[in-house]
Amino acid sequence: MNNSDLADGVASAHGITKADARKIVDGVFAAIADAAAKGEEVSLNGFGKFKVKDSPAREGRNPSTGATIQIAASKKLGFTPAKAVKDKLNG
């Protein structure tokens, strides 16, 4: 499923145009990304939580040369599904 498929589902479920549904879907994802960029946790009841995690700097190896390289610290967006989603996945 991609953004268009999701927008099609929203449009048919709520009787709105696909263009309006696409704007809504894009707006939801933009709001989640903006909140994550600020370091906020996004909790969606019945679906799950998006949480920013810090990944510290570390040493790694270049697989082609074997040389040691430094991997910079970064932030990652993690997702933890809600119990309802886990139950749906596991039958």
PDB file of N, CA and C in Angstrom:
ATOM      1  N   MET A   1       0.848  -1.179   0.000  1.00  0.00           N
ATOM      2  CA  MET A   1       0.000   0.000   0.000  1.00  0.00           C
ATOM      3  C   MET A   1       0.889   1.235   0.000  1.00  0.00           C
ATOM      4  N   ASN A   2       0.527   2.227  -0.801  1.00  0.00           N
ATOM      5  CA  ASN A   2       1.253   3.492  -0.832  1.00  0.00           C
ATOM      6  C   ASN A   2       0.302   4.641  -0.511  1.00  0.00           C
ATOM      7  N   ASN A   3       0.788   5.874  -0.612  1.00  0.00           N
ATOM      8  CA  ASN A   3      -0.032   7.040  -0.254  1.00  0.00           C
ATOM      9  C   ASN A   3      -1.308   7.114  -1.092  1.00  0.00           C
ATOM     10  N   SER A   4      -1.208   6.817  -2.384  1.00  0.00           N
ATOM     11  CA  SER A   4      -2.386   6.884  -3.258  1.00  0.00           C
ATOM     12  C   SER A   4      -3.422   5.846  -2.857  1.00  0.00           C
ATOM     13  N   ASP A   5      -2.975   4.644  -2.550  1.00  0.00           N
ATOM     14  CA  ASP A   5      -3.902   3.596  -2.120  1.00  0.00           C
ATOM     15  C   ASP A   5      -4.596   3.987  -0.820  1.00  0.00           C
ATOM     16  N   LEU A   6      -3.826   4.561   0.092  1.00  0.00           N
ATOM     17  CA  LEU A   6      -4.394   4.998   1.367  1.00  0.00           C
ATOM     18  C   LEU A   6      -5.414   6.111   1.147  1.00  0.00           C
ATOM     19  N   ALA A   7      -5.080   7.056   0.276  1.00  0.00           N
ATOM     20  CA  ALA A   7      -6.006   8.155  -0.032  1.00  0.00           C
ATOM     21  C   ALA A   7      -7.276   7.616  -0.694  1.00  0.00           C
ATOM     22  N   ASP A   8      -7.149   6.615  -1.569  1.00  0.00           N
ATOM     23  CA  ASP A   8      -8.320   6.016  -2.206  1.00  0.00           C
ATOM     24  C   ASP A   8      -9.239   5.389  -1.161  1.00  0.00           C
ATOM     25  N   GLY A   9      -8.648   4.709  -0.184  1.00  0.00           N
ATOM     26  CA  GLY A   9      -9.436   4.106   0.883  1.00  0.00           C
ATOM     27  C   GLY A   9     -10.150   5.147   1.731  1.00  0.00           C
ATOM     28  N   VAL A  10      -9.461   6.231   2.047  1.00  0.00           N
ATOM     29  CA  VAL A  10     -10.075   7.307   2.837  1.00  0.00           C
ATOM     30  C   VAL A  10     -11.202   7.953   2.034  1.00  0.00           C
ATOM     31  N   ALA A  11     -10.967   8.194   0.752  1.00  0.00           N
ATOM     32  CA  ALA A  11     -11.982   8.831  -0.095  1.00  0.00           C
ATOM     33  C   ALA A  11     -13.244   7.985  -0.178  1.00  0.00           C
ATOM     34  N   SER A  12     -13.091   6.688  -0.395  1.00  0.00           N
ATOM     35  CA  SER A  12     -14.276   5.839  -0.523  1.00  0.00           C
ATOM     36  C   SER A  12     -14.989   5.646   0.812  1.00  0.00           C
ATOM     37  N   ALA A  13     -14.243   5.625   1.908  1.00  0.00           N
ATOM     38  CA  ALA A  13     -14.858   5.427   3.219  1.00  0.00           C
ATOM     39  C   ALA A  13     -15.622   6.656   3.704  1.00  0.00           C
ATOM     40  N   HIS A  14     -15.204   7.843   3.239  1.00  0.00           N
ATOM     41  CA  HIS A  14     -15.816   9.070   3.769  1.00  0.00           C
ATOM     42  C   HIS A  14     -16.538   9.903   2.715  1.00  0.00           C
ATOM     43  N   GLY A  15     -16.632   9.397   1.490  1.00  0.00           N
ATOM     44  CA  GLY A  15     -17.395  10.087   0.456  1.00  0.00           C
ATOM     45  C   GLY A  15     -16.802  11.419   0.042  1.00  0.00           C
ATOM     46  N   ILE A  16     -15.477  11.512  -0.011  1.00  0.00           N
ATOM     47  CA  ILE A  16     -14.823  12.744  -0.464  1.00  0.00           C
ATOM     48  C   ILE A  16     -14.025  12.427  -1.727  1.00  0.00           C
ATOM     49  N   THR A  17     -13.555  13.472  -2.389  1.00  0.00           N
ATOM     50  CA  THR A  17     -12.796  13.245  -3.614  1.00  0.00           C
ATOM     51  C   THR A  17     -11.421  12.676  -3.285  1.00  0.00           C
ATOM     52  N   LYS A  18     -10.847  11.986  -4.272  1.00  0.00           N
ATOM     53  CA  LYS A  18      -9.517  11.411  -4.073  1.00  0.00           C
ATOM     54  C   LYS A  18      -8.477  12.505  -3.864  1.00  0.00           C
ATOM     55  N   ALA A  19      -8.646  13.649  -4.525  1.00  0.00           N
ATOM     56  CA  ALA A  19      -7.702  14.760  -4.376  1.00  0.00           C
ATOM     57  C   ALA A  19      -7.733  15.308  -2.952  1.00  0.00           C
ATOM     58  N   ASP A  20      -8.941  15.463  -2.393  1.00  0.00           N
ATOM     59  CA  ASP A  20      -9.058  15.944  -1.013  1.00  0.00           C
ATOM     60  C   ASP A  20      -8.491  14.928  -0.030  1.00  0.00           C
ATOM     61  N   ALA A  21      -8.766  13.663  -0.287  1.00  0.00           N
ATOM     62  CA  ALA A  21      -8.243  12.605   0.588  1.00  0.00           C
ATOM     63  C   ALA A  21      -6.722  12.583   0.534  1.00  0.00           C
ATOM     64  N   ARG A  22      -6.146  12.783  -0.644  1.00  0.00           N
ATOM     65  CA  ARG A  22      -4.681  12.788  -0.783  1.00  0.00           C
ATOM     66  C   ARG A  22      -4.080  13.941   0.015  1.00  0.00           C
ATOM     67  N   LYS A  23      -4.733  15.114  -0.005  1.00  0.00           N
ATOM     68  CA  LYS A  23      -4.263  16.260   0.782  1.00  0.00           C
ATOM     69  C   LYS A  23      -4.299  15.942   2.276  1.00  0.00           C
ATOM     70  N   ILE A  24      -5.339  15.269   2.710  1.00  0.00           N
ATOM     71  CA  ILE A  24      -5.469  14.903   4.123  1.00  0.00           C
ATOM     72  C   ILE A  24      -4.376  13.912   4.520  1.00  0.00           C
ATOM     73  N   VAL A  25      -4.179  12.875   3.708  1.00  0.00           N
ATOM     74  CA  VAL A  25      -3.157  11.865   4.001  1.00  0.00           C
ATOM     75  C   VAL A  25      -1.772  12.510   4.043  1.00  0.00           C
ATOM     76  N   ASP A  26      -1.469  13.350   3.046  1.00  0.00           N
ATOM     77  CA  ASP A  26      -0.171  14.028   3.021  1.00  0.00           C
ATOM     78  C   ASP A  26      -0.006  14.949   4.227  1.00  0.00           C
ATOM     79  N   GLY A  27      -1.097  15.601   4.637  1.00  0.00           N
ATOM     80  CA  GLY A  27      -1.051  16.480   5.800  1.00  0.00           C
ATOM     81  C   GLY A  27      -0.774  15.723   7.091  1.00  0.00           C
ATOM     82  N   VAL A  28      -1.369  14.544   7.225  1.00  0.00           N
ATOM     83  CA  VAL A  28      -1.135  13.728   8.416  1.00  0.00           C
ATOM     84  C   VAL A  28       0.333  13.316   8.502  1.00  0.00           C
ATOM     85  N   PHE A  29       0.883  12.837   7.376  1.00  0.00           N
ATOM     86  CA  PHE A  29       2.280  12.416   7.386  1.00  0.00           C
ATOM     87  C   PHE A  29       3.225  13.596   7.599  1.00  0.00           C
ATOM     88  N   ALA A  30       2.886  14.767   7.063  1.00  0.00           N
ATOM     89  CA  ALA A  30       3.711  15.957   7.274  1.00  0.00           C
ATOM     90  C   ALA A  30       3.695  16.364   8.752  1.00  0.00           C
ATOM     91  N   ALA A  31       2.531  16.264   9.390  1.00  0.00           N
ATOM     92  CA  ALA A  31       2.424  16.609  10.811  1.00  0.00           C
ATOM     93  C   ALA A  31       3.248  15.648  11.668  1.00  0.00           C
ATOM     94  N   ILE A  32       3.228  14.363  11.325  1.00  0.00           N
ATOM     95  CA  ILE A  32       4.025  13.379  12.062  1.00  0.00           C
ATOM     96  C   ILE A  32       5.509  13.679  11.884  1.00  0.00           C
ATOM     97  N   ALA A  33       5.935  13.976  10.655  1.00  0.00           N
ATOM     98  CA  ALA A  33       7.342  14.275  10.381  1.00  0.00           C
ATOM     99  C   ALA A  33       7.785  15.550  11.089  1.00  0.00           C
ATOM    100  N   ASP A  34       6.938  16.583  11.109  1.00  0.00           N
ATOM    101  CA  ASP A  34       7.279  17.834  11.795  1.00  0.00           C
ATOM    102  C   ASP A  34       7.430  17.611  13.290  1.00  0.00           C
ATOM    103  N   ALA A  35       6.524  16.856  13.887  1.00  0.00           N
ATOM    104  CA  ALA A  35       6.608  16.575  15.322  1.00  0.00           C
ATOM    105  C   ALA A  35       7.872  15.776  15.633  1.00  0.00           C
ATOM    106  N   ALA A  36       8.195  14.796  14.792  1.00  0.00           N
ATOM    107  CA  ALA A  36       9.402  13.992  15.002  1.00  0.00           C
ATOM    108  C   ALA A  36      10.651  14.850  14.870  1.00  0.00           C
ATOM    109  N   ALA A  37      10.657  15.794  13.930  1.00  0.00           N
ATOM    110  CA  ALA A  37      11.807  16.676  13.746  1.00  0.00           C
ATOM    111  C   ALA A  37      12.042  17.545  14.988  1.00  0.00           C
ATOM    112  N   LYS A  38      10.981  17.836  15.725  1.00  0.00           N
ATOM    113  CA  LYS A  38      11.093  18.602  16.966  1.00  0.00           C
ATOM    114  C   LYS A  38      11.467  17.719  18.151  1.00  0.00           C
ATOM    115  N   GLY A  39      11.535  16.410  17.925  1.00  0.00           N
ATOM    116  CA  GLY A  39      11.880  15.485  18.993  1.00  0.00           C
ATOM    117  C   GLY A  39      10.690  15.020  19.807  1.00  0.00           C
ATOM    118  N   GLU A  40       9.491  15.307  19.331  1.00  0.00           N
ATOM    119  CA  GLU A  40       8.285  14.925  20.057  1.00  0.00           C
ATOM    120  C   GLU A  40       7.890  13.485  19.737  1.00  0.00           C
ATOM    121  N   GLU A  41       7.239  12.849  20.686  1.00  0.00           N
ATOM    122  CA  GLU A  41       6.691  11.513  20.475  1.00  0.00           C
ATOM    123  C   GLU A  41       5.283  11.668  19.935  1.00  0.00           C
ATOM    124  N   VAL A  42       4.933  10.906  18.907  1.00  0.00           N
ATOM    125  CA  VAL A  42       3.601  10.951  18.322  1.00  0.00           C
ATOM    126  C   VAL A  42       2.892   9.652  18.689  1.00  0.00           C
ATOM    127  N   SER A  43       1.804   9.771  19.445  1.00  0.00           N
ATOM    128  CA  SER A  43       1.059   8.607  19.903  1.00  0.00           C
ATOM    129  C   SER A  43      -0.316   8.615  19.252  1.00  0.00           C
ATOM    130  N   LEU A  44      -0.621   7.559  18.502  1.00  0.00           N
ATOM    131  CA  LEU A  44      -1.910   7.427  17.837  1.00  0.00           C
ATOM    132  C   LEU A  44      -2.663   6.265  18.494  1.00  0.00           C
ATOM    133  N   ASN A  45      -3.711   6.590  19.240  1.00  0.00           N
ATOM    134  CA  ASN A  45      -4.464   5.571  19.978  1.00  0.00           C
ATOM    135  C   ASN A  45      -4.935   4.460  19.056  1.00  0.00           C
ATOM    136  N   GLY A  46      -4.694   3.241  19.455  1.00  0.00           N
ATOM    137  CA  GLY A  46      -5.114   2.082  18.693  1.00  0.00           C
ATOM    138  C   GLY A  46      -4.201   1.737  17.531  1.00  0.00           C
ATOM    139  N   PHE A  47      -3.168   2.551  17.280  1.00  0.00           N
ATOM    140  CA  PHE A  47      -2.252   2.276  16.170  1.00  0.00           C
ATOM    141  C   PHE A  47      -0.820   2.091  16.646  1.00  0.00           C
ATOM    142  N   GLY A  48      -0.307   3.063  17.399  1.00  0.00           N
ATOM    143  CA  GLY A  48       1.049   2.930  17.917  1.00  0.00           C
ATOM    144  C   GLY A  48       1.708   4.265  18.188  1.00  0.00           C
ATOM    145  N   LYS A  49       3.019   4.209  18.455  1.00  0.00           N
ATOM    146  CA  LYS A  49       3.799   5.402  18.787  1.00  0.00           C
ATOM    147  C   LYS A  49       4.986   5.530  17.855  1.00  0.00           C
ATOM    148  N   PHE A  50       5.227   6.764  17.408  1.00  0.00           N
ATOM    149  CA  PHE A  50       6.445   7.102  16.687  1.00  0.00           C
ATOM    150  C   PHE A  50       7.331   7.838  17.668  1.00  0.00           C
ATOM    151  N   LYS A  51       8.571   7.400  17.817  1.00  0.00           N
ATOM    152  CA  LYS A  51       9.462   7.975  18.813  1.00  0.00           C
ATOM    153  C   LYS A  51      10.849   8.173  18.194  1.00  0.00           C
ATOM    154  N   VAL A  52      11.462   9.331  18.470  1.00  0.00           N
ATOM    155  CA  VAL A  52      12.799   9.628  17.968  1.00  0.00           C
ATOM    156  C   VAL A  52      13.827   8.994  18.890  1.00  0.00           C
ATOM    157  N   LYS A  53      14.773   8.264  18.300  1.00  0.00           N
ATOM    158  CA  LYS A  53      15.822   7.608  19.069  1.00  0.00           C
ATOM    159  C   LYS A  53      17.169   8.118  18.596  1.00  0.00           C
ATOM    160  N   ASP A  54      18.079   8.356  19.546  1.00  0.00           N
ATOM    161  CA  ASP A  54      19.431   8.789  19.210  1.00  0.00           C
ATOM    162  C   ASP A  54      20.316   7.581  18.982  1.00  0.00           C
ATOM    163  N   SER A  55      21.059   7.631  17.891  1.00  0.00           N
ATOM    164  CA  SER A  55      22.031   6.594  17.582  1.00  0.00           C
ATOM    165  C   SER A  55      23.414   7.219  17.749  1.00  0.00           C
ATOM    166  N   PRO A  56      24.222   6.749  18.716  1.00  0.00           N
ATOM    167  CA  PRO A  56      25.516   7.396  18.972  1.00  0.00           C
ATOM    168  C   PRO A  56      26.521   7.149  17.846  1.00  0.00           C
ATOM    169  N   ALA A  57      27.555   7.983  17.818  1.00  0.00           N
ATOM    170  CA  ALA A  57      28.633   7.798  16.849  1.00  0.00           C
ATOM    171  C   ALA A  57      29.349   6.487  17.163  1.00  0.00           C
ATOM    172  N   ARG A  58      29.854   5.851  16.114  1.00  0.00           N
ATOM    173  CA  ARG A  58      30.535   4.583  16.331  1.00  0.00           C
ATOM    174  C   ARG A  58      31.540   4.343  15.213  1.00  0.00           C
ATOM    175  N   GLU A  59      32.360   3.328  15.415  1.00  0.00           N
ATOM    176  CA  GLU A  59      33.313   2.929  14.390  1.00  0.00           C
ATOM    177  C   GLU A  59      32.719   1.814  13.551  1.00  0.00           C
ATOM    178  N   GLY A  60      33.009   1.845  12.256  1.00  0.00           N
ATOM    179  CA  GLY A  60      32.546   0.798  11.364  1.00  0.00           C
ATOM    180  C   GLY A  60      33.658   0.419  10.410  1.00  0.00           C
ATOM    181  N   ARG A  61      33.377  -0.488   9.530  1.00  0.00           N
ATOM    182  CA  ARG A  61      34.369  -0.922   8.533  1.00  0.00           C
ATOM    183  C   ARG A  61      33.793  -0.763   7.137  1.00  0.00           C
ATOM    184  N   ASN A  62      34.639  -0.291   6.224  1.00  0.00           N
ATOM    185  CA  ASN A  62      34.274  -0.234   4.821  1.00  0.00           C
ATOM    186  C   ASN A  62      34.320  -1.673   4.307  1.00  0.00           C
ATOM    187  N   PRO A  63      33.201  -2.203   3.834  1.00  0.00           N
ATOM    188  CA  PRO A  63      33.186  -3.617   3.443  1.00  0.00           C
ATOM    189  C   PRO A  63      34.097  -3.947   2.253  1.00  0.00           C
ATOM    190  N   SER A  64      34.346  -2.983   1.394  1.00  0.00           N
ATOM    191  CA  SER A  64      35.175  -3.294   0.225  1.00  0.00           C
ATOM    192  C   SER A  64      36.669  -3.219   0.518  1.00  0.00           C
ATOM    193  N   THR A  65      37.072  -2.302   1.421  1.00  0.00           N
ATOM    194  CA  THR A  65      38.504  -2.160   1.705  1.00  0.00           C
ATOM    195  C   THR A  65      38.901  -2.671   3.075  1.00  0.00           C
ATOM    196  N   GLY A  66      37.940  -2.787   3.981  1.00  0.00           N
ATOM    197  CA  GLY A  66      38.250  -3.211   5.339  1.00  0.00           C
ATOM    198  C   GLY A  66      38.771  -2.082   6.213  1.00  0.00           C
ATOM    199  N   ALA A  67      38.847  -0.868   5.661  1.00  0.00           N
ATOM    200  CA  ALA A  67      39.348   0.281   6.418  1.00  0.00           C
ATOM    201  C   ALA A  67      38.341   0.692   7.484  1.00  0.00           C
ATOM    202  N   THR A  68      38.863   1.154   8.624  1.00  0.00           N
ATOM    203  CA  THR A  68      38.011   1.636   9.709  1.00  0.00           C
ATOM    204  C   THR A  68      37.502   3.030   9.350  1.00  0.00           C
ATOM    205  N   ILE A  69      36.192   3.245   9.548  1.00  0.00           N
ATOM    206  CA  ILE A  69      35.600   4.557   9.297  1.00  0.00           C
ATOM    207  C   ILE A  69      34.776   4.968  10.508  1.00  0.00           C
ATOM    208  N   GLN A  70      34.549   6.260  10.629  1.00  0.00           N
ATOM    209  CA  GLN A  70      33.716   6.790  11.695  1.00  0.00           C
ATOM    210  C   GLN A  70      32.298   6.985  11.153  1.00  0.00           C
ATOM    211  N   ILE A  71      31.324   6.453  11.855  1.00  0.00           N
ATOM    212  CA  ILE A  71      29.921   6.637  11.500  1.00  0.00           C
ATOM    213  C   ILE A  71      29.358   7.682  12.459  1.00  0.00           C
ATOM    214  N   ALA A  72      28.851   8.762  11.891  1.00  0.00           N
ATOM    215  CA  ALA A  72      28.382   9.897  12.684  1.00  0.00           C
ATOM    216  C   ALA A  72      27.131   9.540  13.490  1.00  0.00           C
ATOM    217  N   ALA A  73      26.938  10.269  14.585  1.00  0.00           N
ATOM    218  CA  ALA A  73      25.717  10.112  15.381  1.00  0.00           C
ATOM    219  C   ALA A  73      24.531  10.565  14.535  1.00  0.00           C
ATOM    220  N   SER A  74      23.390   9.960  14.752  1.00  0.00           N
ATOM    221  CA  SER A  74      22.198  10.332  14.000  1.00  0.00           C
ATOM    222  C   SER A  74      20.954  10.070  14.838  1.00  0.00           C
ATOM    223  N   LYS A  75      19.835  10.531  14.307  1.00  0.00           N
ATOM    224  CA  LYS A  75      18.553  10.276  14.953  1.00  0.00           C
ATOM    225  C   LYS A  75      17.743   9.367  14.053  1.00  0.00           C
ATOM    226  N   LYS A  76      17.016   8.455  14.665  1.00  0.00           N
ATOM    227  CA  LYS A  76      16.196   7.504  13.933  1.00  0.00           C
ATOM    228  C   LYS A  76      14.756   7.604  14.444  1.00  0.00           C
ATOM    229  N   LEU A  77      13.816   7.344  13.547  1.00  0.00           N
ATOM    230  CA  LEU A  77      12.417   7.345  13.937  1.00  0.00           C
ATOM    231  C   LEU A  77      11.974   5.903  14.107  1.00  0.00           C
ATOM    232  N   GLY A  78      11.611   5.559  15.330  1.00  0.00           N
ATOM    233  CA  GLY A  78      11.162   4.206  15.624  1.00  0.00           C
ATOM    234  C   GLY A  78       9.657   4.164  15.746  1.00  0.00           C
ATOM    235  N   PHE A  79       9.100   3.000  15.517  1.00  0.00           N
ATOM    236  CA  PHE A  79       7.659   2.812  15.646  1.00  0.00           C
ATOM    237  C   PHE A  79       7.388   1.611  16.525  1.00  0.00           C
ATOM    238  N   THR A  80       6.499   1.790  17.490  1.00  0.00           N
ATOM    239  CA  THR A  80       6.060   0.703  18.352  1.00  0.00           C
ATOM    240  C   THR A  80       4.564   0.530  18.146  1.00  0.00           C
ATOM    241  N   PRO A  81       4.140  -0.601  17.615  1.00  0.00           N
ATOM    242  CA  PRO A  81       2.706  -0.787  17.373  1.00  0.00           C
ATOM    243  C   PRO A  81       1.925  -0.950  18.674  1.00  0.00           C
ATOM    244  N   ALA A  82       0.659  -0.521  18.630  1.00  0.00           N
ATOM    245  CA  ALA A  82      -0.238  -0.695  19.766  1.00  0.00           C
ATOM    246  C   ALA A  82      -0.662  -2.152  19.871  1.00  0.00           C
ATOM    247  N   LYS A  83      -1.179  -2.509  21.017  1.00  0.00           N
ATOM    248  CA  LYS A  83      -1.600  -3.902  21.253  1.00  0.00           C
ATOM    249  C   LYS A  83      -2.660  -4.330  20.229  1.00  0.00           C
ATOM    250  N   ALA A  84      -3.564  -3.438  19.876  1.00  0.00           N
ATOM    251  CA  ALA A  84      -4.615  -3.780  18.918  1.00  0.00           C
ATOM    252  C   ALA A  84      -4.011  -4.161  17.558  1.00  0.00           C
ATOM    253  N   VAL A  85      -2.986  -3.444  17.148  1.00  0.00           N
ATOM    254  CA  VAL A  85      -2.322  -3.741  15.864  1.00  0.00           C
ATOM    255  C   VAL A  85      -1.577  -5.068  15.961  1.00  0.00           C
ATOM    256  N   LYS A  86      -0.885  -5.283  17.071  1.00  0.00           N
ATOM    257  CA  LYS A  86      -0.161  -6.565  17.257  1.00  0.00           C
ATOM    258  C   LYS A  86      -1.145  -7.739  17.217  1.00  0.00           C
ATOM    259  N   ASP A  87      -2.280  -7.575  17.881  1.00  0.00           N
ATOM    260  CA  ASP A  87      -3.273  -8.650  17.904  1.00  0.00           C
ATOM    261  C   ASP A  87      -3.828  -8.919  16.516  1.00  0.00           C
ATOM    262  N   LYS A  88      -4.027  -7.868  15.714  1.00  0.00           N
ATOM    263  CA  LYS A  88      -4.544  -8.028  14.361  1.00  0.00           C
ATOM    264  C   LYS A  88      -3.528  -8.749  13.485  1.00  0.00           C
ATOM    265  N   LEU A  89      -2.240  -8.454  13.687  1.00  0.00           N
ATOM    266  CA  LEU A  89      -1.182  -9.093  12.907  1.00  0.00           C
ATOM    267  C   LEU A  89      -1.040 -10.571  13.236  1.00  0.00           C
ATOM    268  N   ASN A  90      -1.247 -10.901  14.487  1.00  0.00           N
ATOM    269  CA  ASN A  90      -1.006 -12.270  14.943  1.00  0.00           C
ATOM    270  C   ASN A  90      -2.284 -13.111  15.042  1.00  0.00           C
ATOM    271  N   GLY A  91      -3.326 -12.650  14.416  1.00  0.00           N
ATOM    272  CA  GLY A  91      -4.550 -13.445  14.370  1.00  0.00           C
ATOM    273  C   GLY A  91      -5.391 -13.177  15.515  1.00  0.00           C
TER     274      GLY A  91
END
